[in-house]
Amino acid sequence: MDELWVATVAGSCVLVIATMFVAGHYRRERRRRELLRQLEHDTPAALG
């Protein structure tokens, strides 16, 4: 029974950490897309 609890807690920790990594990746990609959009908007057509 103790082994089941240890495995459940360890698995839950892994899922929480994976969720944090996925959320961080999503936020970075969203910010990158936003910055690229601003860069395209601010860059004059003659330079690009």
PDB file of N, CA and C in Angstrom:
ATOM      1  N   MET A   1       0.829  -1.195   0.000  1.00  0.00           N
ATOM      2  CA  MET A   1       0.000   0.000   0.000  1.00  0.00           C
ATOM      3  C   MET A   1       0.870   1.254   0.000  1.00  0.00           C
ATOM      4  N   ASP A   2       1.975   1.227   0.768  1.00  0.00           N
ATOM      5  CA  ASP A   2       2.871   2.385   0.807  1.00  0.00           C
ATOM      6  C   ASP A   2       3.492   2.658  -0.556  1.00  0.00           C
ATOM      7  N   GLU A   3       3.823   1.596  -1.281  1.00  0.00           N
ATOM      8  CA  GLU A   3       4.414   1.761  -2.607  1.00  0.00           C
ATOM      9  C   GLU A   3       3.436   2.443  -3.557  1.00  0.00           C
ATOM     10  N   LEU A   4       2.168   2.131  -3.413  1.00  0.00           N
ATOM     11  CA  LEU A   4       1.144   2.758  -4.251  1.00  0.00           C
ATOM     12  C   LEU A   4       1.082   4.256  -3.985  1.00  0.00           C
ATOM     13  N   TRP A   5       1.138   4.637  -2.714  1.00  0.00           N
ATOM     14  CA  TRP A   5       1.095   6.063  -2.364  1.00  0.00           C
ATOM     15  C   TRP A   5       2.323   6.792  -2.883  1.00  0.00           C
ATOM     16  N   VAL A   6       3.490   6.168  -2.744  1.00  0.00           N
ATOM     17  CA  VAL A   6       4.727   6.787  -3.231  1.00  0.00           C
ATOM     18  C   VAL A   6       4.653   6.975  -4.743  1.00  0.00           C
ATOM     19  N   ALA A   7       4.195   5.970  -5.442  1.00  0.00           N
ATOM     20  CA  ALA A   7       4.078   6.067  -6.898  1.00  0.00           C
ATOM     21  C   ALA A   7       3.057   7.127  -7.299  1.00  0.00           C
ATOM     22  N   THR A   8       1.956   7.214  -6.578  1.00  0.00           N
ATOM     23  CA  THR A   8       0.930   8.213  -6.876  1.00  0.00           C
ATOM     24  C   THR A   8       1.457   9.622  -6.653  1.00  0.00           C
ATOM     25  N   VAL A   9       2.148   9.835  -5.553  1.00  0.00           N
ATOM     26  CA  VAL A   9       2.701  11.164  -5.259  1.00  0.00           C
ATOM     27  C   VAL A   9       3.780  11.526  -6.273  1.00  0.00           C
ATOM     28  N   ALA A  10       4.657  10.587  -6.585  1.00  0.00           N
ATOM     29  CA  ALA A  10       5.716  10.853  -7.557  1.00  0.00           C
ATOM     30  C   ALA A  10       5.121  11.165  -8.931  1.00  0.00           C
ATOM     31  N   GLY A  11       4.139  10.402  -9.349  1.00  0.00           N
ATOM     32  CA  GLY A  11       3.487  10.653 -10.635  1.00  0.00           C
ATOM     33  C   GLY A  11       2.790  11.996 -10.669  1.00  0.00           C
ATOM     34  N   SER A  12       2.162  12.358  -9.570  1.00  0.00           N
ATOM     35  CA  SER A  12       1.491  13.663  -9.494  1.00  0.00           C
ATOM     36  C   SER A  12       2.498  14.797  -9.594  1.00  0.00           C
ATOM     37  N   CYS A  13       3.632  14.649  -8.933  1.00  0.00           N
ATOM     38  CA  CYS A  13       4.680  15.678  -9.007  1.00  0.00           C
ATOM     39  C   CYS A  13       5.193  15.825 -10.436  1.00  0.00           C
ATOM     40  N   VAL A  14       5.386  14.718 -11.103  1.00  0.00           N
ATOM     41  CA  VAL A  14       5.849  14.762 -12.490  1.00  0.00           C
ATOM     42  C   VAL A  14       4.827  15.476 -13.369  1.00  0.00           C
ATOM     43  N   LEU A  15       3.555  15.192 -13.178  1.00  0.00           N
ATOM     44  CA  LEU A  15       2.519  15.851 -13.975  1.00  0.00           C
ATOM     45  C   LEU A  15       2.455  17.351 -13.698  1.00  0.00           C
ATOM     46  N   VAL A  16       2.622  17.747 -12.449  1.00  0.00           N
ATOM     47  CA  VAL A  16       2.612  19.177 -12.109  1.00  0.00           C
ATOM     48  C   VAL A  16       3.797  19.880 -12.766  1.00  0.00           C
ATOM     49  N   ILE A  17       4.972  19.275 -12.699  1.00  0.00           N
ATOM     50  CA  ILE A  17       6.160  19.876 -13.305  1.00  0.00           C
ATOM     51  C   ILE A  17       5.994  19.962 -14.821  1.00  0.00           C
ATOM     52  N   ALA A  18       5.470  18.916 -15.439  1.00  0.00           N
ATOM     53  CA  ALA A  18       5.250  18.940 -16.887  1.00  0.00           C
ATOM     54  C   ALA A  18       4.254  20.028 -17.268  1.00  0.00           C
ATOM     55  N   THR A  19       3.213  20.211 -16.468  1.00  0.00           N
ATOM     56  CA  THR A  19       2.231  21.259 -16.732  1.00  0.00           C
ATOM     57  C   THR A  19       2.878  22.632 -16.659  1.00  0.00           C
ATOM     58  N   MET A  20       3.774  22.829 -15.701  1.00  0.00           N
ATOM     59  CA  MET A  20       4.463  24.119 -15.589  1.00  0.00           C
ATOM     60  C   MET A  20       5.350  24.370 -16.808  1.00  0.00           C
ATOM     61  N   PHE A  21       6.032  23.331 -17.302  1.00  0.00           N
ATOM     62  CA  PHE A  21       6.858  23.487 -18.495  1.00  0.00           C
ATOM     63  C   PHE A  21       6.006  23.817 -19.720  1.00  0.00           C
ATOM     64  N   VAL A  22       4.880  23.159 -19.871  1.00  0.00           N
ATOM     65  CA  VAL A  22       3.995  23.422 -21.012  1.00  0.00           C
ATOM     66  C   VAL A  22       3.461  24.846 -20.952  1.00  0.00           C
ATOM     67  N   ALA A  23       3.052  25.289 -19.773  1.00  0.00           N
ATOM     68  CA  ALA A  23       2.539  26.654 -19.624  1.00  0.00           C
ATOM     69  C   ALA A  23       3.633  27.674 -19.926  1.00  0.00           C
ATOM     70  N   GLY A  24       4.839  27.443 -19.462  1.00  0.00           N
ATOM     71  CA  GLY A  24       5.950  28.346 -19.745  1.00  0.00           C
ATOM     72  C   GLY A  24       6.264  28.417 -21.227  1.00  0.00           C
ATOM     73  N   HIS A  25       6.238  27.267 -21.887  1.00  0.00           N
ATOM     74  CA  HIS A  25       6.481  27.228 -23.326  1.00  0.00           C
ATOM     75  C   HIS A  25       5.403  28.007 -24.075  1.00  0.00           C
ATOM     76  N   TYR A  26       4.166  27.808 -23.699  1.00  0.00           N
ATOM     77  CA  TYR A  26       3.056  28.518 -24.335  1.00  0.00           C
ATOM     78  C   TYR A  26       3.216  30.021 -24.160  1.00  0.00           C
ATOM     79  N   ARG A  27       3.563  30.465 -22.959  1.00  0.00           N
ATOM     80  CA  ARG A  27       3.715  31.900 -22.699  1.00  0.00           C
ATOM     81  C   ARG A  27       4.880  32.485 -23.490  1.00  0.00           C
ATOM     82  N   ARG A  28       6.005  31.741 -23.582  1.00  0.00           N
ATOM     83  CA  ARG A  28       7.147  32.227 -24.365  1.00  0.00           C
ATOM     84  C   ARG A  28       6.793  32.349 -25.838  1.00  0.00           C
ATOM     85  N   GLU A  29       6.114  31.350 -26.382  1.00  0.00           N
ATOM     86  CA  GLU A  29       5.731  31.396 -27.792  1.00  0.00           C
ATOM     87  C   GLU A  29       4.751  32.527 -28.068  1.00  0.00           C
ATOM     88  N   ARG A  30       3.830  32.752 -27.172  1.00  0.00           N
ATOM     89  CA  ARG A  30       2.865  33.838 -27.327  1.00  0.00           C
ATOM     90  C   ARG A  30       3.581  35.189 -27.317  1.00  0.00           C
ATOM     91  N   ARG A  31       4.533  35.343 -26.388  1.00  0.00           N
ATOM     92  CA  ARG A  31       5.292  36.595 -26.299  1.00  0.00           C
ATOM     93  C   ARG A  31       6.150  36.795 -27.544  1.00  0.00           C
ATOM     94  N   ARG A  32       6.765  35.720 -28.035  1.00  0.00           N
ATOM     95  CA  ARG A  32       7.594  35.804 -29.237  1.00  0.00           C
ATOM     96  C   ARG A  32       6.761  36.240 -30.433  1.00  0.00           C
ATOM     97  N   ARG A  33       5.581  35.645 -30.580  1.00  0.00           N
ATOM     98  CA  ARG A  33       4.681  36.005 -31.674  1.00  0.00           C
ATOM     99  C   ARG A  33       4.277  37.476 -31.586  1.00  0.00           C
ATOM    100  N   GLU A  34       4.019  37.922 -30.357  1.00  0.00           N
ATOM    101  CA  GLU A  34       3.638  39.319 -30.135  1.00  0.00           C
ATOM    102  C   GLU A  34       4.783  40.266 -30.504  1.00  0.00           C
ATOM    103  N   LEU A  35       6.008  39.926 -30.105  1.00  0.00           N
ATOM    104  CA  LEU A  35       7.157  40.768 -30.426  1.00  0.00           C
ATOM    105  C   LEU A  35       7.428  40.800 -31.926  1.00  0.00           C
ATOM    106  N   LEU A  36       7.292  39.664 -32.596  1.00  0.00           N
ATOM    107  CA  LEU A  36       7.489  39.638 -34.043  1.00  0.00           C
ATOM    108  C   LEU A  36       6.441  40.483 -34.757  1.00  0.00           C
ATOM    109  N   ARG A  37       5.217  40.438 -34.287  1.00  0.00           N
ATOM    110  CA  ARG A  37       4.159  41.246 -34.885  1.00  0.00           C
ATOM    111  C   ARG A  37       4.471  42.733 -34.721  1.00  0.00           C
ATOM    112  N   GLN A  38       4.957  43.119 -33.542  1.00  0.00           N
ATOM    113  CA  GLN A  38       5.324  44.517 -33.310  1.00  0.00           C
ATOM    114  C   GLN A  38       6.502  44.920 -34.188  1.00  0.00           C
ATOM    115  N   LEU A  39       7.468  44.019 -34.342  1.00  0.00           N
ATOM    116  CA  LEU A  39       8.632  44.312 -35.169  1.00  0.00           C
ATOM    117  C   LEU A  39       8.219  44.532 -36.617  1.00  0.00           C
ATOM    118  N   GLU A  40       7.340  43.689 -37.132  1.00  0.00           N
ATOM    119  CA  GLU A  40       6.859  43.844 -38.502  1.00  0.00           C
ATOM    120  C   GLU A  40       6.092  45.150 -38.660  1.00  0.00           C
ATOM    121  N   HIS A  41       5.359  45.517 -37.647  1.00  0.00           N
ATOM    122  CA  HIS A  41       4.564  46.748 -37.712  1.00  0.00           C
ATOM    123  C   HIS A  41       5.455  47.980 -37.653  1.00  0.00           C
ATOM    124  N   ASP A  42       6.524  47.935 -36.856  1.00  0.00           N
ATOM    125  CA  ASP A  42       7.395  49.094 -36.660  1.00  0.00           C
ATOM    126  C   ASP A  42       8.446  49.253 -37.751  1.00  0.00           C
ATOM    127  N   THR A  43       8.750  48.197 -38.488  1.00  0.00           N
ATOM    128  CA  THR A  43       9.786  48.255 -39.509  1.00  0.00           C
ATOM    129  C   THR A  43       9.210  48.848 -40.790  1.00  0.00           C
ATOM    130  N   PRO A  44       9.826  49.898 -41.313  1.00  0.00           N
ATOM    131  CA  PRO A  44       9.341  50.467 -42.580  1.00  0.00           C
ATOM    132  C   PRO A  44       9.518  49.475 -43.723  1.00  0.00           C
ATOM    133  N   ALA A  45       8.663  49.555 -44.710  1.00  0.00           N
ATOM    134  CA  ALA A  45       8.702  48.628 -45.843  1.00  0.00           C
ATOM    135  C   ALA A  45       9.985  48.794 -46.650  1.00  0.00           C
ATOM    136  N   ALA A  46      10.571  49.992 -46.677  1.00  0.00           N
ATOM    137  CA  ALA A  46      11.790  50.237 -47.444  1.00  0.00           C
ATOM    138  C   ALA A  46      12.976  49.449 -46.885  1.00  0.00           C
ATOM    139  N   LEU A  47      12.977  49.213 -45.583  1.00  0.00           N
ATOM    140  CA  LEU A  47      14.087  48.480 -44.981  1.00  0.00           C
ATOM    141  C   LEU A  47      13.902  46.973 -45.085  1.00  0.00           C
ATOM    142  N   GLY A  48      12.681  46.514 -45.094  1.00  0.00           N
ATOM    143  CA  GLY A  48      12.428  45.080 -45.068  1.00  0.00           C
ATOM    144  C   GLY A  48      12.169  44.579 -46.406  1.00  0.00           C
TER     145      GLY A  48
END
